[in-house]
Amino acid sequence: MAKLDAGNRKPQFGNSRPWSNKATRRRWNLNIQKVKVLEGGRVVTKRMTTADIRTLMKV
């Protein structure tokens, strides 16, 4: 999994349940995107989750 530049969120784990109801482990990964952010007067590329990007747009 790619390392985040902001935040310390991790993937969530659970079970995959098909029609037979047999539980097999799976994980839900974060939706990580590369974003160019203006930081200290310079443009910097960061890896952020889409939820963090939406929060950043609101500020």
C-alpha atoms as a PDB file:
ATOM      1  CA  MET A   1       0.000   0.000   0.000  1.00  0.00           C
ATOM      2  CA  ALA A   2       1.262   3.496  -0.821  1.00  0.00           C
ATOM      3  CA  LYS A   3       2.264   5.733   2.063  1.00  0.00           C
ATOM      4  CA  LEU A   4       0.056   8.753   2.685  1.00  0.00           C
ATOM      5  CA  ASP A   5       1.569  12.226   2.986  1.00  0.00           C
ATOM      6  CA  ALA A   6      -1.300  13.420   5.196  1.00  0.00           C
ATOM      7  CA  GLY A   7      -3.254  11.390   7.713  1.00  0.00           C
ATOM      8  CA  ASN A   8      -2.619   7.945   9.112  1.00  0.00           C
ATOM      9  CA  ARG A   9      -5.548   5.946   7.781  1.00  0.00           C
ATOM     10  CA  LYS A  10      -5.242   2.239   7.010  1.00  0.00           C
ATOM     11  CA  PRO A  11      -7.298  -0.240   4.970  1.00  0.00           C
ATOM     12  CA  GLN A  12     -10.321  -1.846   6.596  1.00  0.00           C
ATOM     13  CA  PHE A  13     -10.745  -5.607   6.827  1.00  0.00           C
ATOM     14  CA  GLY A  14     -13.834  -7.787   6.676  1.00  0.00           C
ATOM     15  CA  ASN A  15     -15.402 -10.815   5.040  1.00  0.00           C
ATOM     16  CA  SER A  16     -16.476 -11.457   1.460  1.00  0.00           C
ATOM     17  CA  ARG A  17     -19.891 -13.149   1.529  1.00  0.00           C
ATOM     18  CA  PRO A  18     -20.992 -14.850  -1.701  1.00  0.00           C
ATOM     19  CA  TRP A  19     -24.332 -16.598  -2.265  1.00  0.00           C
ATOM     20  CA  SER A  20     -23.058 -19.707  -0.431  1.00  0.00           C
ATOM     21  CA  ASN A  21     -22.416 -17.462   2.615  1.00  0.00           C
ATOM     22  CA  LYS A  22     -18.847 -18.796   2.990  1.00  0.00           C
ATOM     23  CA  ALA A  23     -16.724 -16.125   4.691  1.00  0.00           C
ATOM     24  CA  THR A  24     -13.323 -15.376   3.172  1.00  0.00           C
ATOM     25  CA  ARG A  25     -11.183 -12.489   4.350  1.00  0.00           C
ATOM     26  CA  ARG A  26     -10.788  -9.390   2.182  1.00  0.00           C
ATOM     27  CA  ARG A  27      -9.745  -5.796   2.595  1.00  0.00           C
ATOM     28  CA  TRP A  28     -11.013  -2.427   1.451  1.00  0.00           C
ATOM     29  CA  ASN A  29      -8.115  -0.239   0.329  1.00  0.00           C
ATOM     30  CA  LEU A  30      -8.062   3.535   0.516  1.00  0.00           C
ATOM     31  CA  ASN A  31      -8.695   5.539  -2.641  1.00  0.00           C
ATOM     32  CA  ILE A  32      -5.289   7.237  -2.879  1.00  0.00           C
ATOM     33  CA  GLN A  33      -4.657   9.870  -5.542  1.00  0.00           C
ATOM     34  CA  LYS A  34      -1.669  12.059  -6.410  1.00  0.00           C
ATOM     35  CA  VAL A  35      -2.515  15.738  -5.968  1.00  0.00           C
ATOM     36  CA  LYS A  36      -0.532  18.903  -6.590  1.00  0.00           C
ATOM     37  CA  VAL A  37      -0.882  21.222  -3.593  1.00  0.00           C
ATOM     38  CA  LEU A  38       0.343  24.772  -3.051  1.00  0.00           C
ATOM     39  CA  GLU A  39       2.431  24.607   0.125  1.00  0.00           C
ATOM     40  CA  GLY A  40       4.525  27.518   1.334  1.00  0.00           C
ATOM     41  CA  GLY A  41       4.403  29.209  -2.068  1.00  0.00           C
ATOM     42  CA  ARG A  42       5.616  26.061  -3.877  1.00  0.00           C
ATOM     43  CA  VAL A  43       3.700  23.393  -5.776  1.00  0.00           C
ATOM     44  CA  VAL A  44       4.205  19.995  -4.119  1.00  0.00           C
ATOM     45  CA  THR A  45       2.896  16.584  -5.202  1.00  0.00           C
ATOM     46  CA  LYS A  46       1.276  14.637  -2.360  1.00  0.00           C
ATOM     47  CA  ARG A  47      -0.541  11.311  -2.010  1.00  0.00           C
ATOM     48  CA  MET A  48      -3.921  11.852  -0.369  1.00  0.00           C
ATOM     49  CA  THR A  49      -7.181   9.988   0.011  1.00  0.00           C
ATOM     50  CA  THR A  50     -10.188  11.348  -1.856  1.00  0.00           C
ATOM     51  CA  ALA A  51     -11.835  12.184   1.476  1.00  0.00           C
ATOM     52  CA  ASP A  52      -8.800  14.308   2.430  1.00  0.00           C
ATOM     53  CA  ILE A  53      -8.899  16.034  -0.974  1.00  0.00           C
ATOM     54  CA  ARG A  54     -12.560  16.936  -0.492  1.00  0.00           C
ATOM     55  CA  THR A  55     -11.781  18.321   2.960  1.00  0.00           C
ATOM     56  CA  LEU A  56      -8.886  20.337   1.540  1.00  0.00           C
ATOM     57  CA  MET A  57     -11.158  21.872  -1.123  1.00  0.00           C
ATOM     58  CA  LYS A  58     -13.566  23.113   1.572  1.00  0.00           C
ATOM     59  CA  VAL A  59     -10.858  25.085   3.408  1.00  0.00           C
END
